[in-house]
Amino acid sequence: MSTSIFPSFPPNQTSQQANYALSSLRDWCIANGAAIRTPESSKRTSATTGDVKFRVTEAPVTLFPSPFPSTLFQEAQDIQTVYNELYASISSDGAWLKTIVEELSGVDDFIAQLWQVHLDVEKIGYVQDLSLGLFRSDYMIHVDPLEPQSKPDLKQIEFNTIASSFGGLSSKVSDLHNHLYLTGAYSTTLTQGSSSTRPDLPVNYSIECLAKGIADAHNAYGPSKTEPAKPLCVIFIVQDAEGNIYDQRHIQYRVQSNHRITVFRLPFSQILDNVVLGDGAHRPLIFYPPHALTSPHEVSVVYYRAGYSPTEYVDAESWKARLLVESSGAIKCPSILTHLAGSKKVQQVLATPGSSDLERFLGEQHPLKARAAATFTNIYPLDATSEAGQAARKLALDPKTAERHVLKPQREGGGNNIYRAAIPPFLQAKPEAQWAGYILMELIEPPELHNILVRGGVPTNESPVSVISELGIFGTCLWRRDASKPRGVEILHNEEAGWLLRTKARSSEEGGVAAGFGALDTPLLM
């Protein structure tokens, strides 16, 4: 285990301080929408949606903000735009993505079916050259356990291209921790190790920035393509009975209030019931709101907060729905190729020592290329033919070396990874032909840190426990596929768009908040 690089934290509290902090936290979360839907068994405020009953409770949060090196926080923000550009370029290079898919299609049916959607649209011709990315690049602080006094590094965990969540709630939690500080819930020792008399709790503008990204795409879509012209809208494709609805609602409401754009929500399972292709060469996507069937809207932007998991594609109709949207003239966030670009195999190929792919997508002289590459960690393929794959198989099957690694499938969302000692028996239980569908990643070793996690307004532990924090940086990027441009892409908008800090108990292998593993946090910059 790594030693701490931070001062002793968090500060001790009296019982009166702890009770005040928790009471203030509960009230602030509910009053300001830092909330989630929970199972009906909860004893919190209840509500209904159709025939489904649900409860509203506070989002999982940390009681204290967590220390984070200010230089690494700034570095993560600085390089987000180069990551945006990198993945926009990858998404525009179907020939290169084909080589990735060919390695995976025989062992990963989901990847193969996503690629088939692309091929089916390619046959009839794409009618929309614009794509929108609301991305998130996730990092941890790494301290070499063999040299605990060495300088900490920023190492990338993954890059998310679809349904990058918590841009709404993370902004609220930043405000929450600032509120708790300003009302005296914390002692002044929050500033220990800093020359400032006030803790550096950065303001998070992720809601505004992500909403602006959607608005930029809506404006780029232009006027209605139907005759007569229909009113334009954005649709959020969501999961049925979504528990993380308020995270999405904050962005939806900001798109509407700041940019005067109509936004509707549509469950992934109901796409074919409410959406059709309009007439004309542009293939406009027409949405019939279930509550207003006589008022159809033309869809400018489709923002996926669903459709990233194989379990959502329950039958052929699900794939027909994805194909319908992809073949339309609406701007997709993400497009099917951008979705594929987020596979772990792409991350592994980019991180391969000596790879020329960064130059392929960014050019040789990009000023931030080297800084982005410095965040790569050791990632290996698990194929049976390459030298790297064979070496990785030995690492994964040896219980001693497996302890320093994590096995990842080509999936988004928490709960999919296999860690440490569980790797050898997991692989041994699978046919070797399927191993190539995974990548093996060297574990990042974060510094020692402590905090109190609060779920449903109740601390999961009475005293601080050892925790791990994961920093995510959001980015918005709008681009056009253009064969006449260098690397076949024209970047129209490219911005860093706020941040997310998630913290989990060190004893927990997974860290997904929505999956029930982690809590939302705020960096205390030091």
Protein backbone atom coordinates (compact mmCIF):
# COMPACT_ATOMS: atom_id res chain seq x y z
CA MET A 1 0.00 0.00 0.00
CA SER A 2 1.25 3.50 -0.83
CA THR A 3 2.11 5.95 1.91
CA SER A 4 0.29 9.25 2.15
CA ILE A 5 1.55 12.32 0.29
CA PHE A 6 -0.93 14.55 2.15
CA PRO A 7 -1.10 16.03 5.65
CA SER A 8 -3.15 14.13 8.22
CA PHE A 9 -6.73 14.19 6.97
CA PRO A 10 -9.62 14.55 7.61
CA PRO A 11 -9.69 16.66 10.76
CA ASN A 12 -11.26 15.32 13.92
CA GLN A 13 -14.83 16.39 14.68
CA THR A 14 -16.76 16.68 17.89
CA SER A 15 -20.11 14.89 17.98
CA GLN A 16 -21.83 18.28 17.65
CA GLN A 17 -19.81 19.12 14.54
CA ALA A 18 -20.50 15.72 13.00
CA ASN A 19 -24.25 15.96 13.65
CA TYR A 20 -24.36 19.49 12.23
CA ALA A 21 -22.42 18.49 9.13
CA LEU A 22 -24.65 15.51 8.38
CA SER A 23 -27.87 17.43 9.01
CA SER A 24 -26.69 20.27 6.76
CA LEU A 25 -25.57 17.78 4.11
CA ARG A 26 -28.97 16.06 3.98
CA ASP A 27 -30.94 19.28 3.73
CA TRP A 28 -28.63 20.85 1.15
CA CYS A 29 -28.66 17.75 -1.10
CA ILE A 30 -32.44 17.48 -1.26
CA ALA A 31 -32.99 21.23 -1.55
CA ASN A 32 -30.50 21.51 -4.42
CA GLY A 33 -31.13 18.33 -6.36
CA ALA A 34 -28.01 16.37 -5.35
CA ALA A 35 -30.22 13.30 -5.31
CA ILE A 36 -30.88 9.90 -6.84
CA ARG A 37 -33.82 7.54 -7.16
CA THR A 38 -33.61 4.49 -4.94
CA PRO A 39 -35.57 1.22 -4.56
CA GLU A 40 -39.04 1.46 -3.07
CA SER A 41 -37.88 -0.07 0.22
CA SER A 42 -36.21 3.24 1.12
CA LYS A 43 -37.92 5.30 3.81
CA ARG A 44 -37.24 8.63 2.13
CA THR A 45 -39.62 10.85 0.15
CA SER A 46 -41.67 8.80 -2.34
CA ALA A 47 -43.03 9.61 -5.78
CA THR A 48 -44.35 7.79 -8.82
CA THR A 49 -43.67 7.76 -12.54
CA GLY A 50 -46.38 5.96 -14.47
CA ASP A 51 -46.92 2.65 -12.65
CA VAL A 52 -43.40 2.62 -11.16
CA LYS A 53 -42.89 3.75 -7.58
CA PHE A 54 -39.56 5.13 -6.49
CA ARG A 55 -37.94 6.98 -3.62
CA VAL A 56 -35.78 10.08 -3.67
CA THR A 57 -32.71 10.19 -1.45
CA GLU A 58 -29.45 12.05 -1.18
CA ALA A 59 -26.77 11.15 -3.73
CA PRO A 60 -23.79 9.19 -2.34
CA VAL A 61 -21.22 11.80 -1.28
CA THR A 62 -18.17 12.17 0.92
CA LEU A 63 -18.52 14.12 4.15
CA PHE A 64 -15.24 15.94 3.52
CA PRO A 65 -13.59 17.05 0.29
CA SER A 66 -10.52 14.92 -0.49
CA PRO A 67 -6.96 16.25 -0.88
CA PHE A 68 -5.67 16.29 -4.46
CA PRO A 69 -2.43 17.77 -5.86
CA SER A 70 -3.25 21.07 -7.54
CA THR A 71 -0.58 20.60 -10.22
CA LEU A 72 -2.02 17.24 -11.31
CA PHE A 73 -5.56 18.62 -11.27
CA GLN A 74 -4.46 21.45 -13.55
CA GLU A 75 -2.57 19.05 -15.83
CA ALA A 76 -5.67 16.89 -16.27
CA GLN A 77 -7.66 19.97 -17.25
CA ASP A 78 -4.95 21.22 -19.61
CA ILE A 79 -4.73 18.01 -21.66
CA GLN A 80 -8.47 17.36 -22.02
CA THR A 81 -8.68 19.20 -25.33
CA VAL A 82 -5.96 17.01 -26.87
CA TYR A 83 -7.83 13.90 -25.75
CA ASN A 84 -11.02 15.35 -27.30
CA GLU A 85 -9.18 15.89 -30.56
CA LEU A 86 -7.58 12.44 -30.42
CA TYR A 87 -10.89 10.61 -30.09
CA ALA A 88 -12.61 12.81 -32.67
CA SER A 89 -9.87 11.81 -35.10
CA ILE A 90 -10.14 8.11 -34.22
CA SER A 91 -13.91 8.25 -34.68
CA SER A 92 -13.42 9.71 -38.16
CA ASP A 93 -11.04 6.94 -39.27
CA GLY A 94 -13.25 3.98 -40.11
CA ALA A 95 -10.39 2.09 -41.78
CA TRP A 96 -8.30 2.17 -38.59
CA LEU A 97 -11.27 1.23 -36.38
CA LYS A 98 -11.92 -1.70 -38.69
CA THR A 99 -8.56 -3.18 -37.69
CA ILE A 100 -9.57 -2.93 -34.02
CA VAL A 101 -12.99 -4.48 -34.61
CA GLU A 102 -11.52 -7.34 -36.63
CA GLU A 103 -9.44 -8.33 -33.59
CA LEU A 104 -12.50 -8.31 -31.33
CA SER A 105 -15.47 -9.34 -33.45
CA GLY A 106 -14.76 -13.06 -33.13
CA VAL A 107 -14.72 -12.88 -29.31
CA ASP A 108 -17.09 -10.00 -28.56
CA ASP A 109 -20.55 -10.16 -30.13
CA PHE A 110 -21.50 -6.70 -28.85
CA ILE A 111 -18.58 -5.01 -30.60
CA ALA A 112 -19.37 -6.99 -33.75
CA GLN A 113 -23.01 -5.89 -33.72
CA LEU A 114 -22.10 -2.24 -33.16
CA TRP A 115 -19.78 -2.44 -36.16
CA GLN A 116 -22.55 -4.05 -38.22
CA VAL A 117 -24.73 -0.99 -37.54
CA HIS A 118 -21.95 1.13 -39.03
CA LEU A 119 -21.68 -1.13 -42.07
CA ASP A 120 -25.44 -1.07 -42.64
CA VAL A 121 -25.50 2.74 -42.56
CA GLU A 122 -22.44 2.92 -44.77
CA LYS A 123 -24.27 0.87 -47.42
CA ILE A 124 -27.09 3.40 -47.73
CA GLY A 125 -24.80 6.36 -47.08
CA TYR A 126 -24.27 8.58 -44.06
CA VAL A 127 -26.18 11.85 -44.29
CA GLN A 128 -24.73 13.58 -41.22
CA ASP A 129 -21.03 14.52 -41.18
CA LEU A 130 -21.19 16.22 -37.78
CA SER A 131 -20.57 14.36 -34.53
CA LEU A 132 -20.74 15.48 -30.90
CA GLY A 133 -18.65 14.09 -28.07
CA LEU A 134 -19.42 14.70 -24.41
CA PHE A 135 -16.34 12.89 -23.18
CA ARG A 136 -14.77 12.09 -19.82
CA SER A 137 -11.17 11.09 -19.20
CA ASP A 138 -10.64 9.32 -15.86
CA TYR A 139 -7.40 9.36 -13.83
CA MET A 140 -5.86 8.33 -10.56
CA ILE A 141 -2.80 9.62 -8.75
CA HIS A 142 0.00 7.05 -8.95
CA VAL A 143 2.77 6.75 -6.36
CA ASP A 144 5.33 4.03 -7.04
CA PRO A 145 5.05 1.65 -4.05
CA LEU A 146 8.75 0.82 -4.43
CA GLU A 147 9.63 4.53 -4.19
CA PRO A 148 6.97 6.05 -1.90
CA GLN A 149 8.85 9.37 -1.70
CA SER A 150 8.85 9.79 -5.48
CA LYS A 151 6.84 12.49 -7.22
CA PRO A 152 3.19 11.46 -7.79
CA ASP A 153 2.04 11.03 -11.38
CA LEU A 154 -1.29 11.35 -13.16
CA LYS A 155 -2.30 8.08 -14.84
CA GLN A 156 -5.31 7.50 -17.07
CA ILE A 157 -7.76 4.75 -16.16
CA GLU A 158 -10.03 5.01 -19.18
CA PHE A 159 -11.61 7.36 -21.71
CA ASN A 160 -15.41 7.42 -21.86
CA THR A 161 -17.15 8.20 -25.16
CA ILE A 162 -20.77 7.27 -24.35
CA ALA A 163 -23.09 8.16 -21.45
CA SER A 164 -20.32 9.89 -19.46
CA SER A 165 -22.25 10.44 -16.25
CA PHE A 166 -22.25 12.74 -13.22
CA GLY A 167 -21.61 16.02 -14.99
CA GLY A 168 -24.82 17.22 -13.36
CA LEU A 169 -24.37 15.96 -9.81
CA SER A 170 -20.62 16.62 -9.59
CA SER A 171 -21.26 20.33 -9.96
CA LYS A 172 -23.80 20.17 -7.14
CA VAL A 173 -21.43 18.29 -4.83
CA SER A 174 -18.77 20.94 -5.38
CA ASP A 175 -21.30 23.51 -4.19
CA LEU A 176 -22.23 21.25 -1.26
CA HIS A 177 -18.70 21.06 0.12
CA ASN A 178 -18.23 24.80 -0.29
CA HIS A 179 -21.50 25.32 1.62
CA LEU A 180 -20.39 23.03 4.45
CA TYR A 181 -17.10 24.90 4.75
CA LEU A 182 -18.72 28.35 4.74
CA THR A 183 -21.23 27.35 7.43
CA GLY A 184 -18.54 26.06 9.80
CA ALA A 185 -19.10 22.33 9.38
CA TYR A 186 -15.34 21.81 8.98
CA SER A 187 -12.52 22.93 11.23
CA THR A 188 -9.88 25.32 9.90
CA THR A 189 -7.42 22.42 9.65
CA LEU A 190 -8.75 21.86 6.13
CA THR A 191 -6.03 24.32 5.10
CA GLN A 192 -3.21 22.34 6.71
CA GLY A 193 -0.32 22.09 4.26
CA SER A 194 -1.44 25.18 2.37
CA SER A 195 -0.31 28.79 2.58
CA SER A 196 -3.92 29.92 2.13
CA THR A 197 -6.26 30.64 5.04
CA ARG A 198 -9.18 29.30 2.98
CA PRO A 199 -9.27 25.81 1.44
CA ASP A 200 -8.98 25.64 -2.34
CA LEU A 201 -12.27 24.01 -3.32
CA PRO A 202 -12.62 24.64 -7.07
CA VAL A 203 -15.95 25.69 -8.53
CA ASN A 204 -17.28 23.18 -11.06
CA TYR A 205 -19.06 24.46 -14.18
CA SER A 206 -19.75 21.05 -15.72
CA ILE A 207 -23.52 21.59 -16.02
CA GLU A 208 -23.11 24.83 -17.96
CA CYS A 209 -20.30 23.44 -20.13
CA LEU A 210 -22.02 20.18 -21.06
CA ALA A 211 -25.26 22.05 -21.79
CA LYS A 212 -23.32 24.43 -24.02
CA GLY A 213 -21.79 21.49 -25.90
CA ILE A 214 -25.27 20.19 -26.71
CA ALA A 215 -26.41 23.68 -27.70
CA ASP A 216 -23.40 24.12 -30.00
CA ALA A 217 -24.37 20.93 -31.83
CA HIS A 218 -28.03 21.97 -32.01
CA ASN A 219 -27.04 25.30 -33.56
CA ALA A 220 -24.70 23.58 -36.02
CA TYR A 221 -27.58 21.38 -37.19
CA GLY A 222 -29.19 24.42 -38.75
CA PRO A 223 -32.82 24.93 -39.72
CA SER A 224 -35.46 22.23 -40.10
CA LYS A 225 -34.98 19.85 -43.01
CA THR A 226 -38.69 19.00 -43.28
CA GLU A 227 -41.39 20.55 -45.43
CA PRO A 228 -43.26 22.22 -43.89
CA ALA A 229 -40.65 23.02 -41.24
CA LYS A 230 -41.10 21.36 -37.85
CA PRO A 231 -39.91 22.70 -34.49
CA LEU A 232 -36.48 21.39 -33.51
CA CYS A 233 -35.63 19.50 -30.33
CA VAL A 234 -32.90 17.52 -28.59
CA ILE A 235 -33.69 14.07 -27.23
CA PHE A 236 -31.93 12.31 -24.36
CA ILE A 237 -32.01 8.51 -24.88
CA VAL A 238 -32.27 7.09 -21.36
CA GLN A 239 -32.70 3.82 -19.51
CA ASP A 240 -36.03 2.66 -18.15
CA ALA A 241 -36.52 3.48 -14.45
CA GLU A 242 -33.28 5.49 -14.42
CA GLY A 243 -31.95 5.92 -10.89
CA ASN A 244 -29.50 8.66 -11.86
CA ILE A 245 -32.20 10.82 -13.43
CA TYR A 246 -31.38 14.06 -11.61
CA ASP A 247 -27.82 14.05 -12.92
CA GLN A 248 -29.35 14.08 -16.40
CA ARG A 249 -32.13 16.52 -15.54
CA HIS A 250 -29.69 19.22 -14.40
CA ILE A 251 -28.11 19.22 -17.87
CA GLN A 252 -31.48 19.04 -19.62
CA TYR A 253 -32.87 21.97 -17.67
CA ARG A 254 -29.74 24.06 -18.31
CA VAL A 255 -29.98 23.42 -22.07
CA GLN A 256 -33.54 24.66 -21.92
CA SER A 257 -33.03 27.65 -19.62
CA ASN A 258 -29.72 28.95 -20.99
CA HIS A 259 -30.21 28.18 -24.67
CA ARG A 260 -34.00 28.07 -25.15
CA ILE A 261 -33.86 24.63 -26.76
CA THR A 262 -36.64 22.07 -26.31
CA VAL A 263 -35.40 18.81 -24.76
CA PHE A 264 -37.30 15.54 -24.45
CA ARG A 265 -36.38 12.26 -22.73
CA LEU A 266 -36.99 8.95 -24.51
CA PRO A 267 -36.31 5.48 -23.07
CA PHE A 268 -34.07 3.36 -25.28
CA SER A 269 -36.73 0.64 -25.31
CA GLN A 270 -39.31 3.05 -26.80
CA ILE A 271 -37.34 4.49 -29.73
CA LEU A 272 -39.27 2.60 -32.42
CA ASP A 273 -42.60 3.56 -30.83
CA ASN A 274 -41.93 7.30 -30.98
CA VAL A 275 -39.37 8.02 -33.70
CA VAL A 276 -39.48 7.74 -37.51
CA LEU A 277 -37.39 8.92 -40.43
CA GLY A 278 -38.84 11.82 -42.37
CA ASP A 279 -38.88 12.20 -46.13
CA GLY A 280 -36.01 13.74 -48.04
CA ALA A 281 -32.35 13.12 -48.71
CA HIS A 282 -31.33 14.40 -45.26
CA ARG A 283 -33.42 11.69 -43.52
CA PRO A 284 -34.61 13.95 -40.68
CA LEU A 285 -35.39 12.17 -37.44
CA ILE A 286 -38.97 12.90 -36.35
CA PHE A 287 -40.00 12.48 -32.72
CA TYR A 288 -43.64 12.14 -31.64
CA PRO A 289 -43.82 13.00 -27.93
CA PRO A 290 -46.08 10.40 -26.26
CA HIS A 291 -47.88 13.18 -24.39
CA ALA A 292 -48.35 15.29 -27.54
CA LEU A 293 -48.59 12.98 -30.56
CA THR A 294 -50.06 15.73 -32.74
CA SER A 295 -46.98 17.94 -32.23
CA PRO A 296 -44.05 16.14 -33.90
CA HIS A 297 -40.56 17.63 -33.57
CA GLU A 298 -37.48 17.27 -35.74
CA VAL A 299 -34.50 16.01 -33.74
CA SER A 300 -31.29 18.01 -34.05
CA VAL A 301 -29.20 16.10 -31.48
CA VAL A 302 -29.52 12.62 -29.97
CA TYR A 303 -27.69 12.38 -26.64
CA TYR A 304 -27.27 8.79 -25.44
CA ARG A 305 -27.41 8.16 -21.71
CA ALA A 306 -28.28 4.54 -22.52
CA GLY A 307 -27.37 1.97 -25.14
CA TYR A 308 -23.85 1.29 -23.84
CA SER A 309 -24.50 -2.15 -22.31
CA PRO A 310 -25.25 -5.41 -24.15
CA THR A 311 -28.06 -6.06 -21.66
CA GLU A 312 -30.02 -3.15 -23.14
CA TYR A 313 -30.16 -4.82 -26.57
CA VAL A 314 -32.76 -7.40 -25.63
CA ASP A 315 -33.82 -8.38 -29.16
CA ALA A 316 -33.54 -7.51 -32.85
CA GLU A 317 -35.83 -4.53 -32.34
CA SER A 318 -33.23 -2.92 -30.07
CA TRP A 319 -30.63 -3.08 -32.82
CA LYS A 320 -33.18 -1.84 -35.34
CA ALA A 321 -33.72 1.20 -33.12
CA ARG A 322 -29.99 1.97 -32.93
CA LEU A 323 -29.74 1.60 -36.71
CA LEU A 324 -32.70 3.91 -37.26
CA VAL A 325 -31.12 6.70 -35.22
CA GLU A 326 -27.65 6.17 -36.70
CA SER A 327 -28.95 6.37 -40.28
CA SER A 328 -30.78 9.64 -39.62
CA GLY A 329 -29.67 13.22 -40.16
CA ALA A 330 -29.63 13.98 -36.43
CA ILE A 331 -26.25 14.70 -34.81
CA LYS A 332 -25.41 11.75 -32.57
CA CYS A 333 -23.67 11.93 -29.19
CA PRO A 334 -22.01 9.57 -29.70
CA SER A 335 -22.10 8.21 -33.23
CA ILE A 336 -21.64 4.46 -33.56
CA LEU A 337 -17.97 4.95 -34.54
CA THR A 338 -17.36 7.21 -31.53
CA HIS A 339 -18.99 4.55 -29.34
CA LEU A 340 -16.57 1.96 -30.76
CA ALA A 341 -13.62 4.32 -30.27
CA GLY A 342 -14.24 4.11 -26.52
CA SER A 343 -13.42 0.39 -26.37
CA LYS A 344 -10.61 -0.64 -24.05
CA LYS A 345 -8.77 -2.17 -27.01
CA VAL A 346 -8.33 1.31 -28.52
CA GLN A 347 -6.85 2.55 -25.24
CA GLN A 348 -4.47 -0.42 -25.19
CA VAL A 349 -3.30 0.13 -28.75
CA LEU A 350 -2.67 3.84 -28.13
CA ALA A 351 -0.63 3.06 -25.01
CA THR A 352 1.56 0.43 -26.68
CA PRO A 353 5.22 1.56 -26.45
CA GLY A 354 6.54 2.62 -29.84
CA SER A 355 3.06 2.96 -31.32
CA SER A 356 2.76 5.44 -34.20
CA ASP A 357 -0.97 5.88 -33.71
CA LEU A 358 -0.73 9.11 -31.72
CA GLU A 359 1.13 10.67 -34.65
CA ARG A 360 -1.49 9.26 -37.04
CA PHE A 361 -4.31 11.04 -35.21
CA LEU A 362 -2.63 14.14 -33.81
CA GLY A 363 0.32 14.75 -36.11
CA GLU A 364 3.97 14.88 -35.12
CA GLN A 365 4.08 18.46 -33.81
CA HIS A 366 1.01 18.63 -31.54
CA PRO A 367 2.10 20.70 -28.49
CA LEU A 368 0.16 18.58 -25.96
CA LYS A 369 0.73 15.12 -27.43
CA ALA A 370 3.64 14.19 -25.15
CA ARG A 371 1.82 15.41 -22.04
CA ALA A 372 -1.20 13.25 -22.86
CA ALA A 373 1.02 10.23 -23.57
CA ALA A 374 2.68 10.69 -20.16
CA THR A 375 -0.65 9.71 -18.53
CA PHE A 376 -0.64 6.26 -20.18
CA THR A 377 -0.03 3.26 -17.94
CA ASN A 378 1.04 -0.24 -18.94
CA ILE A 379 -1.81 -1.97 -20.82
CA TYR A 380 -1.46 -5.29 -22.60
CA PRO A 381 -3.49 -7.30 -25.12
CA LEU A 382 -4.46 -10.87 -24.29
CA ASP A 383 -4.33 -12.39 -27.76
CA ALA A 384 -2.52 -15.65 -28.34
CA THR A 385 -0.38 -14.59 -31.30
CA SER A 386 1.46 -11.39 -30.44
CA GLU A 387 4.54 -11.32 -28.23
CA ALA A 388 2.86 -8.77 -25.95
CA GLY A 389 -0.26 -10.94 -25.69
CA GLN A 390 1.69 -14.04 -24.75
CA ALA A 391 3.64 -12.11 -22.11
CA ALA A 392 0.39 -10.67 -20.72
CA ARG A 393 -1.15 -14.12 -20.43
CA LYS A 394 1.74 -15.19 -18.22
CA LEU A 395 1.27 -12.12 -16.03
CA ALA A 396 -2.47 -12.76 -15.75
CA LEU A 397 -2.22 -16.46 -14.91
CA ASP A 398 0.55 -16.17 -12.30
CA PRO A 399 -1.15 -15.40 -8.94
CA LYS A 400 1.83 -13.29 -7.83
CA THR A 401 1.93 -11.00 -10.87
CA ALA A 402 -1.87 -10.95 -11.22
CA GLU A 403 -1.98 -9.12 -7.86
CA ARG A 404 -0.67 -6.01 -9.64
CA HIS A 405 -3.21 -6.02 -12.47
CA VAL A 406 -6.86 -5.57 -13.45
CA LEU A 407 -8.63 -7.38 -16.29
CA LYS A 408 -11.05 -5.24 -18.33
CA PRO A 409 -13.64 -6.16 -20.99
CA GLN A 410 -14.74 -3.79 -23.77
CA ARG A 411 -17.55 -2.33 -21.64
CA GLU A 412 -18.78 0.92 -20.12
CA GLY A 413 -20.29 1.15 -16.63
CA GLY A 414 -19.14 -0.19 -13.25
CA GLY A 415 -18.98 -3.79 -12.11
CA ASN A 416 -17.32 -5.37 -15.16
CA ASN A 417 -13.66 -5.55 -14.12
CA ILE A 418 -11.74 -8.48 -12.60
CA TYR A 419 -9.06 -7.65 -10.05
CA ARG A 420 -5.89 -9.18 -8.68
CA ALA A 421 -6.25 -12.74 -7.33
CA ALA A 422 -9.57 -13.23 -9.11
CA ILE A 423 -7.92 -12.95 -12.55
CA PRO A 424 -6.32 -16.43 -12.88
CA PRO A 425 -9.44 -18.46 -11.97
CA PHE A 426 -11.62 -16.17 -14.08
CA LEU A 427 -9.53 -16.76 -17.19
CA GLN A 428 -9.13 -20.47 -16.51
CA ALA A 429 -12.92 -20.79 -16.43
CA LYS A 430 -13.23 -19.19 -19.88
CA PRO A 431 -12.30 -20.70 -23.26
CA GLU A 432 -8.92 -19.32 -24.32
CA ALA A 433 -10.47 -18.11 -27.57
CA GLN A 434 -12.40 -15.50 -25.55
CA TRP A 435 -9.39 -14.06 -23.72
CA ALA A 436 -8.57 -11.69 -26.57
CA GLY A 437 -11.76 -9.77 -25.73
CA TYR A 438 -10.03 -8.41 -22.60
CA ILE A 439 -7.10 -6.15 -21.89
CA LEU A 440 -4.74 -6.46 -18.90
CA MET A 441 -3.91 -3.20 -17.17
CA GLU A 442 -1.26 -2.57 -14.53
CA LEU A 443 -2.92 -1.31 -11.37
CA ILE A 444 -2.41 2.33 -10.46
CA GLU A 445 -1.22 2.76 -6.87
CA PRO A 446 -2.92 5.81 -5.31
CA PRO A 447 -1.63 7.43 -2.11
CA GLU A 448 -3.06 6.74 1.31
CA LEU A 449 -6.15 8.84 2.02
CA HIS A 450 -9.08 8.79 4.47
CA ASN A 451 -12.65 10.08 4.38
CA ILE A 452 -16.20 9.31 5.48
CA LEU A 453 -18.66 8.09 2.82
CA VAL A 454 -22.33 9.04 3.15
CA ARG A 455 -25.00 7.01 1.33
CA GLY A 456 -28.67 7.88 1.61
CA GLY A 457 -27.75 10.58 4.12
CA VAL A 458 -26.20 8.01 6.48
CA PRO A 459 -22.44 7.51 7.02
CA THR A 460 -21.28 4.06 5.93
CA ASN A 461 -18.62 4.26 8.63
CA GLU A 462 -18.47 6.13 11.94
CA SER A 463 -14.81 7.06 11.59
CA PRO A 464 -12.72 7.82 8.47
CA VAL A 465 -11.70 4.79 6.41
CA SER A 466 -8.97 4.33 3.84
CA VAL A 467 -10.24 5.50 0.44
CA ILE A 468 -9.17 5.93 -3.19
CA SER A 469 -10.15 8.91 -5.36
CA GLU A 470 -10.62 8.96 -9.13
CA LEU A 471 -10.64 12.23 -11.08
CA GLY A 472 -12.67 12.60 -14.26
CA ILE A 473 -12.33 15.58 -16.62
CA PHE A 474 -15.22 16.30 -18.97
CA GLY A 475 -14.73 17.56 -22.49
CA THR A 476 -17.02 18.72 -25.27
CA CYS A 477 -16.06 18.36 -28.91
CA LEU A 478 -17.98 18.99 -32.12
CA TRP A 479 -16.37 17.88 -35.37
CA ARG A 480 -17.05 17.22 -39.02
CA ARG A 481 -15.73 14.34 -41.09
CA ASP A 482 -13.95 15.98 -44.02
CA ALA A 483 -11.59 14.03 -46.27
CA SER A 484 -9.99 17.26 -47.48
CA LYS A 485 -8.73 18.12 -43.99
CA PRO A 486 -5.61 16.76 -42.27
CA ARG A 487 -6.48 13.39 -40.70
CA GLY A 488 -9.96 13.63 -42.25
CA VAL A 489 -11.55 15.75 -39.52
CA GLU A 490 -12.41 19.40 -38.92
CA ILE A 491 -12.70 20.36 -35.26
CA LEU A 492 -15.43 22.99 -34.81
CA HIS A 493 -15.59 23.22 -31.00
CA ASN A 494 -13.17 21.73 -28.48
CA GLU A 495 -13.34 22.60 -24.77
CA GLU A 496 -12.60 21.24 -21.31
CA ALA A 497 -15.96 21.02 -19.55
CA GLY A 498 -15.60 20.58 -15.79
CA TRP A 499 -14.70 17.68 -13.57
CA LEU A 500 -15.86 14.78 -11.43
CA LEU A 501 -14.20 13.32 -8.34
CA ARG A 502 -15.36 9.89 -7.17
CA THR A 503 -14.13 8.27 -3.99
CA LYS A 504 -14.55 4.70 -2.78
CA ALA A 505 -13.34 2.59 0.11
CA ARG A 506 -9.91 1.15 -0.66
CA SER A 507 -11.34 -2.31 0.08
CA SER A 508 -13.80 -1.94 -2.82
CA GLU A 509 -12.54 -3.09 -6.21
CA GLU A 510 -15.11 -1.14 -8.27
CA GLY A 511 -15.76 2.60 -8.06
CA GLY A 512 -18.96 3.31 -10.00
CA VAL A 513 -21.30 5.60 -8.05
CA ALA A 514 -24.43 4.57 -9.96
CA ALA A 515 -23.40 0.92 -9.59
CA GLY A 516 -23.32 1.38 -5.80
CA PHE A 517 -19.58 1.35 -5.16
CA GLY A 518 -18.39 4.96 -4.75
CA ALA A 519 -19.39 8.45 -3.66
CA LEU A 520 -19.19 11.90 -5.25
CA ASP A 521 -16.44 14.12 -3.91
CA THR A 522 -14.71 17.48 -4.34
CA PRO A 523 -10.94 17.96 -4.70
CA LEU A 524 -9.29 19.90 -1.89
CA LEU A 525 -6.39 21.26 -3.91
CA MET A 526 -3.01 21.25 -2.22
